[in-house]
């Protein structure tokens, strides 16, 4: 089972709101998830991530998507990738 940390879309039409979740990569975008790690509201730029949960899942081998990785760097859960 390949598990990823990614966003699931919530909210109304033209008013998106996302949950940062740990989910099997073969499930649908808004399918049943394993654990809720945080929330992200791009309209208000609100970002709430449980750092302990995120670090625990990453230590277990969960791969965050690029968007989630950017959000984790923004909250100092992960370090930014060094580019050459």
PDB file of N, CA and C in Angstrom:
ATOM      1  N   UNK A   1       0.850  -1.179   0.000  1.00  0.00           N
ATOM      2  CA  UNK A   1       0.000   0.000   0.000  1.00  0.00           C
ATOM      3  C   UNK A   1       0.893   1.239   0.000  1.00  0.00           C
ATOM      4  N   UNK A   2       0.854   2.016  -1.082  1.00  0.00           N
ATOM      5  CA  UNK A   2       1.603   3.265  -1.181  1.00  0.00           C
ATOM      6  C   UNK A   2       0.769   4.375  -0.561  1.00  0.00           C
ATOM      7  N   UNK A   3       1.305   4.973   0.481  1.00  0.00           N
ATOM      8  CA  UNK A   3       0.563   6.003   1.207  1.00  0.00           C
ATOM      9  C   UNK A   3       1.201   7.355   0.937  1.00  0.00           C
ATOM     10  N   UNK A   4       0.362   8.363   0.682  1.00  0.00           N
ATOM     11  CA  UNK A   4       0.835   9.716   0.406  1.00  0.00           C
ATOM     12  C   UNK A   4       0.136  10.714   1.313  1.00  0.00           C
ATOM     13  N   UNK A   5       0.761  11.869   1.465  1.00  0.00           N
ATOM     14  CA  UNK A   5       0.148  12.991   2.163  1.00  0.00           C
ATOM     15  C   UNK A   5      -0.245  13.989   1.074  1.00  0.00           C
ATOM     16  N   UNK A   6      -1.545  14.247   0.943  1.00  0.00           N
ATOM     17  CA  UNK A   6      -2.010  15.123  -0.125  1.00  0.00           C
ATOM     18  C   UNK A   6      -3.230  15.918   0.316  1.00  0.00           C
ATOM     19  N   UNK A   7      -3.728  16.770  -0.594  1.00  0.00           N
ATOM     20  CA  UNK A   7      -4.873  17.627  -0.301  1.00  0.00           C
ATOM     21  C   UNK A   7      -6.167  16.987  -0.787  1.00  0.00           C
ATOM     22  N   UNK A   8      -7.229  17.136   0.004  1.00  0.00           N
ATOM     23  CA  UNK A   8      -8.573  16.782  -0.454  1.00  0.00           C
ATOM     24  C   UNK A   8      -9.389  18.061  -0.466  1.00  0.00           C
ATOM     25  N   UNK A   9     -10.188  18.243  -1.511  1.00  0.00           N
ATOM     26  CA  UNK A   9     -10.926  19.492  -1.672  1.00  0.00           C
ATOM     27  C   UNK A   9     -12.235  19.452  -0.905  1.00  0.00           C
ATOM     28  N   UNK A  10     -12.510  20.537  -0.217  1.00  0.00           N
ATOM     29  CA  UNK A  10     -13.763  20.730   0.494  1.00  0.00           C
ATOM     30  C   UNK A  10     -14.297  22.100   0.069  1.00  0.00           C
ATOM     31  N   UNK A  11     -15.350  22.557   0.694  1.00  0.00           N
ATOM     32  CA  UNK A  11     -15.863  23.893   0.421  1.00  0.00           C
ATOM     33  C   UNK A  11     -16.857  23.921  -0.719  1.00  0.00           C
ATOM     34  N   UNK A  12     -17.306  25.123  -1.021  1.00  0.00           N
ATOM     35  CA  UNK A  12     -18.308  25.335  -2.054  1.00  0.00           C
ATOM     36  C   UNK A  12     -17.656  25.651  -3.397  1.00  0.00           C
ATOM     37  N   UNK A  13     -18.508  25.800  -4.390  1.00  0.00           N
ATOM     38  CA  UNK A  13     -18.053  26.175  -5.717  1.00  0.00           C
ATOM     39  C   UNK A  13     -17.380  27.548  -5.653  1.00  0.00           C
ATOM     40  N   UNK A  14     -16.198  27.654  -6.226  1.00  0.00           N
ATOM     41  CA  UNK A  14     -15.401  28.882  -6.254  1.00  0.00           C
ATOM     42  C   UNK A  14     -14.990  29.369  -4.865  1.00  0.00           C
ATOM     43  N   UNK A  15     -15.086  28.510  -3.874  1.00  0.00           N
ATOM     44  CA  UNK A  15     -14.650  28.831  -2.515  1.00  0.00           C
ATOM     45  C   UNK A  15     -13.948  27.600  -1.941  1.00  0.00           C
ATOM     46  N   UNK A  16     -12.759  27.285  -2.466  1.00  0.00           N
ATOM     47  CA  UNK A  16     -12.101  26.045  -2.065  1.00  0.00           C
ATOM     48  C   UNK A  16     -11.550  26.087  -0.651  1.00  0.00           C
ATOM     49  N   UNK A  17     -11.497  24.923  -0.058  1.00  0.00           N
ATOM     50  CA  UNK A  17     -10.941  24.717   1.270  1.00  0.00           C
ATOM     51  C   UNK A  17     -10.367  23.308   1.237  1.00  0.00           C
ATOM     52  N   UNK A  18      -9.165  23.122   1.711  1.00  0.00           N
ATOM     53  CA  UNK A  18      -8.511  21.822   1.583  1.00  0.00           C
ATOM     54  C   UNK A  18      -8.157  21.234   2.939  1.00  0.00           C
ATOM     55  N   UNK A  19      -8.172  19.911   3.005  1.00  0.00           N
ATOM     56  CA  UNK A  19      -7.666  19.179   4.158  1.00  0.00           C
ATOM     57  C   UNK A  19      -6.368  18.508   3.738  1.00  0.00           C
ATOM     58  N   UNK A  20      -5.374  18.554   4.612  1.00  0.00           N
ATOM     59  CA  UNK A  20      -4.126  17.834   4.378  1.00  0.00           C
ATOM     60  C   UNK A  20      -4.305  16.475   5.036  1.00  0.00           C
ATOM     61  N   UNK A  21      -4.310  15.413   4.229  1.00  0.00           N
ATOM     62  CA  UNK A  21      -4.617  14.079   4.739  1.00  0.00           C
ATOM     63  C   UNK A  21      -3.558  13.065   4.318  1.00  0.00           C
ATOM     64  N   UNK A  22      -3.505  11.969   5.067  1.00  0.00           N
ATOM     65  CA  UNK A  22      -2.698  10.806   4.710  1.00  0.00           C
ATOM     66  C   UNK A  22      -3.671   9.805   4.107  1.00  0.00           C
ATOM     67  N   UNK A  23      -3.385   9.369   2.867  1.00  0.00           N
ATOM     68  CA  UNK A  23      -4.333   8.539   2.130  1.00  0.00           C
ATOM     69  C   UNK A  23      -3.576   7.564   1.222  1.00  0.00           C
ATOM     70  N   UNK A  24      -4.186   6.427   0.951  1.00  0.00           N
ATOM     71  CA  UNK A  24      -3.637   5.471  -0.006  1.00  0.00           C
ATOM     72  C   UNK A  24      -3.626   6.135  -1.381  1.00  0.00           C
ATOM     73  N   UNK A  25      -2.516   6.048  -2.086  1.00  0.00           N
ATOM     74  CA  UNK A  25      -2.372   6.750  -3.363  1.00  0.00           C
ATOM     75  C   UNK A  25      -3.314   6.227  -4.445  1.00  0.00           C
ATOM     76  N   UNK A  26      -3.889   5.043  -4.257  1.00  0.00           N
ATOM     77  CA  UNK A  26      -4.803   4.481  -5.250  1.00  0.00           C
ATOM     78  C   UNK A  26      -6.251   4.919  -5.025  1.00  0.00           C
ATOM     79  N   UNK A  27      -6.522   5.582  -3.926  1.00  0.00           N
ATOM     80  CA  UNK A  27      -7.887   6.047  -3.635  1.00  0.00           C
ATOM     81  C   UNK A  27      -8.182   7.333  -4.397  1.00  0.00           C
ATOM     82  N   UNK A  28      -9.467   7.669  -4.503  1.00  0.00           N
ATOM     83  CA  UNK A  28      -9.892   8.897  -5.160  1.00  0.00           C
ATOM     84  C   UNK A  28      -9.424  10.115  -4.366  1.00  0.00           C
ATOM     85  N   UNK A  29      -9.377  11.258  -5.025  1.00  0.00           N
ATOM     86  CA  UNK A  29      -8.902  12.486  -4.381  1.00  0.00           C
ATOM     87  C   UNK A  29      -9.642  12.781  -3.087  1.00  0.00           C
ATOM     88  N   UNK A  30     -10.945  12.628  -3.100  1.00  0.00           N
ATOM     89  CA  UNK A  30     -11.750  12.916  -1.915  1.00  0.00           C
ATOM     90  C   UNK A  30     -12.209  11.640  -1.224  1.00  0.00           C
ATOM     91  N   UNK A  31     -11.477  10.554  -1.414  1.00  0.00           N
ATOM     92  CA  UNK A  31     -11.838   9.269  -0.825  1.00  0.00           C
ATOM     93  C   UNK A  31     -11.562   9.214   0.671  1.00  0.00           C
ATOM     94  N   UNK A  32     -11.810   8.042   1.238  1.00  0.00           N
ATOM     95  CA  UNK A  32     -11.623   7.845   2.669  1.00  0.00           C
ATOM     96  C   UNK A  32     -10.134   7.884   3.002  1.00  0.00           C
ATOM     97  N   UNK A  33      -9.774   8.702   3.976  1.00  0.00           N
ATOM     98  CA  UNK A  33      -8.367   8.872   4.322  1.00  0.00           C
ATOM     99  C   UNK A  33      -8.023   8.160   5.624  1.00  0.00           C
ATOM    100  N   UNK A  34      -6.717   7.995   5.863  1.00  0.00           N
ATOM    101  CA  UNK A  34      -6.217   7.307   7.044  1.00  0.00           C
ATOM    102  C   UNK A  34      -6.162   8.259   8.231  1.00  0.00           C
ATOM    103  N   UNK A  35      -5.645   9.485   8.007  1.00  0.00           N
ATOM    104  CA  UNK A  35      -5.476  10.444   9.095  1.00  0.00           C
ATOM    105  C   UNK A  35      -5.556  11.867   8.554  1.00  0.00           C
ATOM    106  N   UNK A  36      -6.132  12.764   9.348  1.00  0.00           N
ATOM    107  CA  UNK A  36      -6.212  14.185   9.021  1.00  0.00           C
ATOM    108  C   UNK A  36      -5.041  14.889   9.693  1.00  0.00           C
ATOM    109  N   UNK A  37      -4.216  15.567   8.892  1.00  0.00           N
ATOM    110  CA  UNK A  37      -3.013  16.216   9.411  1.00  0.00           C
ATOM    111  C   UNK A  37      -3.212  17.714   9.584  1.00  0.00           C
ATOM    112  N   UNK A  38      -4.032  18.343   8.745  1.00  0.00           N
ATOM    113  CA  UNK A  38      -4.235  19.780   8.860  1.00  0.00           C
ATOM    114  C   UNK A  38      -5.230  20.291   7.843  1.00  0.00           C
ATOM    115  N   UNK A  39      -5.330  21.636   7.769  1.00  0.00           N
ATOM    116  CA  UNK A  39      -6.238  22.285   6.833  1.00  0.00           C
ATOM    117  C   UNK A  39      -5.515  23.438   6.150  1.00  0.00           C
ATOM    118  N   UNK A  40      -6.015  23.808   4.953  1.00  0.00           N
ATOM    119  CA  UNK A  40      -5.444  24.913   4.191  1.00  0.00           C
ATOM    120  C   UNK A  40      -6.569  25.638   3.472  1.00  0.00           C
ATOM    121  N   UNK A  41      -6.645  26.956   3.691  1.00  0.00           N
ATOM    122  CA  UNK A  41      -7.634  27.791   3.031  1.00  0.00           C
ATOM    123  C   UNK A  41      -6.882  28.789   2.151  1.00  0.00           C
ATOM    124  N   UNK A  42      -6.828  28.571   0.829  1.00  0.00           N
ATOM    125  CA  UNK A  42      -6.064  29.462  -0.041  1.00  0.00           C
ATOM    126  C   UNK A  42      -6.683  30.848  -0.198  1.00  0.00           C
ATOM    127  N   UNK A  43      -7.964  30.992   0.077  1.00  0.00           N
ATOM    128  CA  UNK A  43      -8.618  32.292  -0.052  1.00  0.00           C
ATOM    129  C   UNK A  43      -8.103  33.243   1.029  1.00  0.00           C
ATOM    130  N   UNK A  44      -8.053  32.766   2.271  1.00  0.00           N
ATOM    131  CA  UNK A  44      -7.587  33.586   3.395  1.00  0.00           C
ATOM    132  C   UNK A  44      -6.121  33.359   3.722  1.00  0.00           C
ATOM    133  N   UNK A  45      -5.468  32.450   2.993  1.00  0.00           N
ATOM    134  CA  UNK A  45      -4.087  32.052   3.270  1.00  0.00           C
ATOM    135  C   UNK A  45      -3.930  31.492   4.683  1.00  0.00           C
ATOM    136  N   UNK A  46      -4.954  30.807   5.187  1.00  0.00           N
ATOM    137  CA  UNK A  46      -4.886  30.149   6.496  1.00  0.00           C
ATOM    138  C   UNK A  46      -4.302  28.761   6.321  1.00  0.00           C
ATOM    139  N   UNK A  47      -3.350  28.420   7.187  1.00  0.00           N
ATOM    140  CA  UNK A  47      -2.712  27.116   7.129  1.00  0.00           C
ATOM    141  C   UNK A  47      -2.546  26.595   8.547  1.00  0.00           C
ATOM    142  N   UNK A  48      -3.184  25.472   8.845  1.00  0.00           N
ATOM    143  CA  UNK A  48      -3.082  24.837  10.157  1.00  0.00           C
ATOM    144  C   UNK A  48      -2.637  23.399   9.950  1.00  0.00           C
ATOM    145  N   UNK A  49      -1.418  23.091  10.420  1.00  0.00           N
ATOM    146  CA  UNK A  49      -0.886  21.733  10.291  1.00  0.00           C
ATOM    147  C   UNK A  49      -0.393  21.273  11.648  1.00  0.00           C
ATOM    148  N   UNK A  50      -0.785  20.061  12.020  1.00  0.00           N
ATOM    149  CA  UNK A  50      -0.300  19.444  13.256  1.00  0.00           C
ATOM    150  C   UNK A  50       1.103  18.917  12.961  1.00  0.00           C
ATOM    151  N   UNK A  51       2.118  19.645  13.426  1.00  0.00           N
ATOM    152  CA  UNK A  51       3.512  19.325  13.101  1.00  0.00           C
ATOM    153  C   UNK A  51       3.916  17.947  13.609  1.00  0.00           C
ATOM    154  N   UNK A  52       3.465  17.576  14.793  1.00  0.00           N
ATOM    155  CA  UNK A  52       3.835  16.272  15.351  1.00  0.00           C
ATOM    156  C   UNK A  52       3.296  15.128  14.499  1.00  0.00           C
ATOM    157  N   UNK A  53       2.017  15.240  14.079  1.00  0.00           N
ATOM    158  CA  UNK A  53       1.421  14.201  13.225  1.00  0.00           C
ATOM    159  C   UNK A  53       2.156  14.120  11.892  1.00  0.00           C
ATOM    160  N   UNK A  54       2.443  15.280  11.308  1.00  0.00           N
ATOM    161  CA  UNK A  54       3.113  15.303  10.008  1.00  0.00           C
ATOM    162  C   UNK A  54       4.493  14.657  10.098  1.00  0.00           C
ATOM    163  N   UNK A  55       5.258  14.998  11.121  1.00  0.00           N
ATOM    164  CA  UNK A  55       6.599  14.416  11.288  1.00  0.00           C
ATOM    165  C   UNK A  55       6.520  12.915  11.534  1.00  0.00           C
ATOM    166  N   UNK A  56       5.505  12.487  12.304  1.00  0.00           N
ATOM    167  CA  UNK A  56       5.334  11.054  12.579  1.00  0.00           C
ATOM    168  C   UNK A  56       5.083  10.286  11.287  1.00  0.00           C
ATOM    169  N   UNK A  57       4.194  10.796  10.440  1.00  0.00           N
ATOM    170  CA  UNK A  57       3.867  10.111   9.194  1.00  0.00           C
ATOM    171  C   UNK A  57       5.039  10.128   8.222  1.00  0.00           C
ATOM    172  N   UNK A  58       5.772  11.229   8.163  1.00  0.00           N
ATOM    173  CA  UNK A  58       6.931  11.295   7.272  1.00  0.00           C
ATOM    174  C   UNK A  58       8.002  10.314   7.740  1.00  0.00           C
ATOM    175  N   UNK A  59       8.165  10.171   9.063  1.00  0.00           N
ATOM    176  CA  UNK A  59       9.120   9.197   9.606  1.00  0.00           C
ATOM    177  C   UNK A  59       8.708   7.768   9.257  1.00  0.00           C
ATOM    178  N   UNK A  60       7.403   7.536   9.091  1.00  0.00           N
ATOM    179  CA  UNK A  60       6.904   6.205   8.720  1.00  0.00           C
ATOM    180  C   UNK A  60       7.042   5.932   7.222  1.00  0.00           C
ATOM    181  N   UNK A  61       7.471   6.921   6.439  1.00  0.00           N
ATOM    182  CA  UNK A  61       7.700   6.714   5.017  1.00  0.00           C
ATOM    183  C   UNK A  61       6.657   7.305   4.097  1.00  0.00           C
ATOM    184  N   UNK A  62       5.744   8.098   4.619  1.00  0.00           N
ATOM    185  CA  UNK A  62       4.718   8.724   3.783  1.00  0.00           C
ATOM    186  C   UNK A  62       5.367   9.807   2.921  1.00  0.00           C
ATOM    187  N   UNK A  63       5.050   9.810   1.622  1.00  0.00           N
ATOM    188  CA  UNK A  63       5.596  10.794   0.698  1.00  0.00           C
ATOM    189  C   UNK A  63       4.584  11.917   0.479  1.00  0.00           C
ATOM    190  N   UNK A  64       4.929  13.167   0.823  1.00  0.00           N
ATOM    191  CA  UNK A  64       4.017  14.277   0.544  1.00  0.00           C
ATOM    192  C   UNK A  64       4.076  14.664  -0.936  1.00  0.00           C
ATOM    193  N   UNK A  65       2.964  15.142  -1.471  1.00  0.00           N
ATOM    194  CA  UNK A  65       2.959  15.651  -2.839  1.00  0.00           C
ATOM    195  C   UNK A  65       3.727  16.970  -2.854  1.00  0.00           C
ATOM    196  N   UNK A  66       4.022  17.489  -4.043  1.00  0.00           N
ATOM    197  CA  UNK A  66       4.790  18.737  -4.140  1.00  0.00           C
ATOM    198  C   UNK A  66       4.070  19.897  -3.458  1.00  0.00           C
ATOM    199  N   UNK A  67       2.759  19.989  -3.632  1.00  0.00           N
ATOM    200  CA  UNK A  67       1.998  21.068  -3.006  1.00  0.00           C
ATOM    201  C   UNK A  67       2.034  20.953  -1.495  1.00  0.00           C
ATOM    202  N   UNK A  68       1.843  19.756  -0.979  1.00  0.00           N
ATOM    203  CA  UNK A  68       1.873  19.551   0.470  1.00  0.00           C
ATOM    204  C   UNK A  68       3.285  19.792   0.996  1.00  0.00           C
ATOM    205  N   UNK A  69       4.297  19.386   0.237  1.00  0.00           N
ATOM    206  CA  UNK A  69       5.682  19.640   0.649  1.00  0.00           C
ATOM    207  C   UNK A  69       5.921  21.146   0.800  1.00  0.00           C
ATOM    208  N   UNK A  70       5.404  21.941  -0.132  1.00  0.00           N
ATOM    209  CA  UNK A  70       5.538  23.392  -0.054  1.00  0.00           C
ATOM    210  C   UNK A  70       4.863  23.930   1.203  1.00  0.00           C
ATOM    211  N   UNK A  71       3.684  23.409   1.526  1.00  0.00           N
ATOM    212  CA  UNK A  71       2.982  23.847   2.732  1.00  0.00           C
ATOM    213  C   UNK A  71       3.739  23.438   3.989  1.00  0.00           C
ATOM    214  N   UNK A  72       4.345  22.250   3.995  1.00  0.00           N
ATOM    215  CA  UNK A  72       5.115  21.793   5.150  1.00  0.00           C
ATOM    216  C   UNK A  72       6.379  22.629   5.334  1.00  0.00           C
ATOM    217  N   UNK A  73       6.988  23.055   4.238  1.00  0.00           N
ATOM    218  CA  UNK A  73       8.157  23.939   4.332  1.00  0.00           C
ATOM    219  C   UNK A  73       7.729  25.293   4.891  1.00  0.00           C
ATOM    220  N   UNK A  74       6.570  25.770   4.469  1.00  0.00           N
ATOM    221  CA  UNK A  74       6.068  27.060   4.942  1.00  0.00           C
ATOM    222  C   UNK A  74       5.824  27.055   6.454  1.00  0.00           C
ATOM    223  N   UNK A  75       5.447  25.900   7.014  1.00  0.00           N
ATOM    224  CA  UNK A  75       5.201  25.793   8.459  1.00  0.00           C
ATOM    225  C   UNK A  75       6.410  25.246   9.211  1.00  0.00           C
ATOM    226  N   UNK A  76       7.559  25.148   8.530  1.00  0.00           N
ATOM    227  CA  UNK A  76       8.826  24.690   9.127  1.00  0.00           C
ATOM    228  C   UNK A  76       8.780  23.252   9.634  1.00  0.00           C
ATOM    229  N   UNK A  77       7.935  22.420   9.063  1.00  0.00           N
ATOM    230  CA  UNK A  77       7.922  20.996   9.396  1.00  0.00           C
ATOM    231  C   UNK A  77       9.035  20.302   8.615  1.00  0.00           C
ATOM    232  N   UNK A  78       9.243  20.708   7.371  1.00  0.00           N
ATOM    233  CA  UNK A  78      10.319  20.184   6.525  1.00  0.00           C
ATOM    234  C   UNK A  78      11.253  21.321   6.140  1.00  0.00           C
ATOM    235  N   UNK A  79      12.481  20.950   5.774  1.00  0.00           N
ATOM    236  CA  UNK A  79      13.422  21.937   5.261  1.00  0.00           C
ATOM    237  C   UNK A  79      13.261  22.028   3.749  1.00  0.00           C
ATOM    238  N   UNK A  80      13.529  23.206   3.218  1.00  0.00           N
ATOM    239  CA  UNK A  80      13.428  23.407   1.778  1.00  0.00           C
ATOM    240  C   UNK A  80      14.510  22.610   1.068  1.00  0.00           C
ATOM    241  N   UNK A  81      14.197  22.149  -0.141  1.00  0.00           N
ATOM    242  CA  UNK A  81      15.184  21.424  -0.944  1.00  0.00           C
ATOM    243  C   UNK A  81      16.276  22.394  -1.377  1.00  0.00           C
ATOM    244  N   UNK A  82      17.502  21.936  -1.305  1.00  0.00           N
ATOM    245  CA  UNK A  82      18.625  22.758  -1.753  1.00  0.00           C
ATOM    246  C   UNK A  82      18.799  22.539  -3.249  1.00  0.00           C
ATOM    247  N   UNK A  83      18.835  23.631  -4.001  1.00  0.00           N
ATOM    248  CA  UNK A  83      19.040  23.529  -5.443  1.00  0.00           C
ATOM    249  C   UNK A  83      20.464  23.947  -5.773  1.00  0.00           C
ATOM    250  N   UNK A  84      21.018  23.317  -6.788  1.00  0.00           N
ATOM    251  CA  UNK A  84      22.406  23.621  -7.166  1.00  0.00           C
ATOM    252  C   UNK A  84      22.455  24.683  -8.219  1.00  0.00           C
TER     253      UNK A  84
END
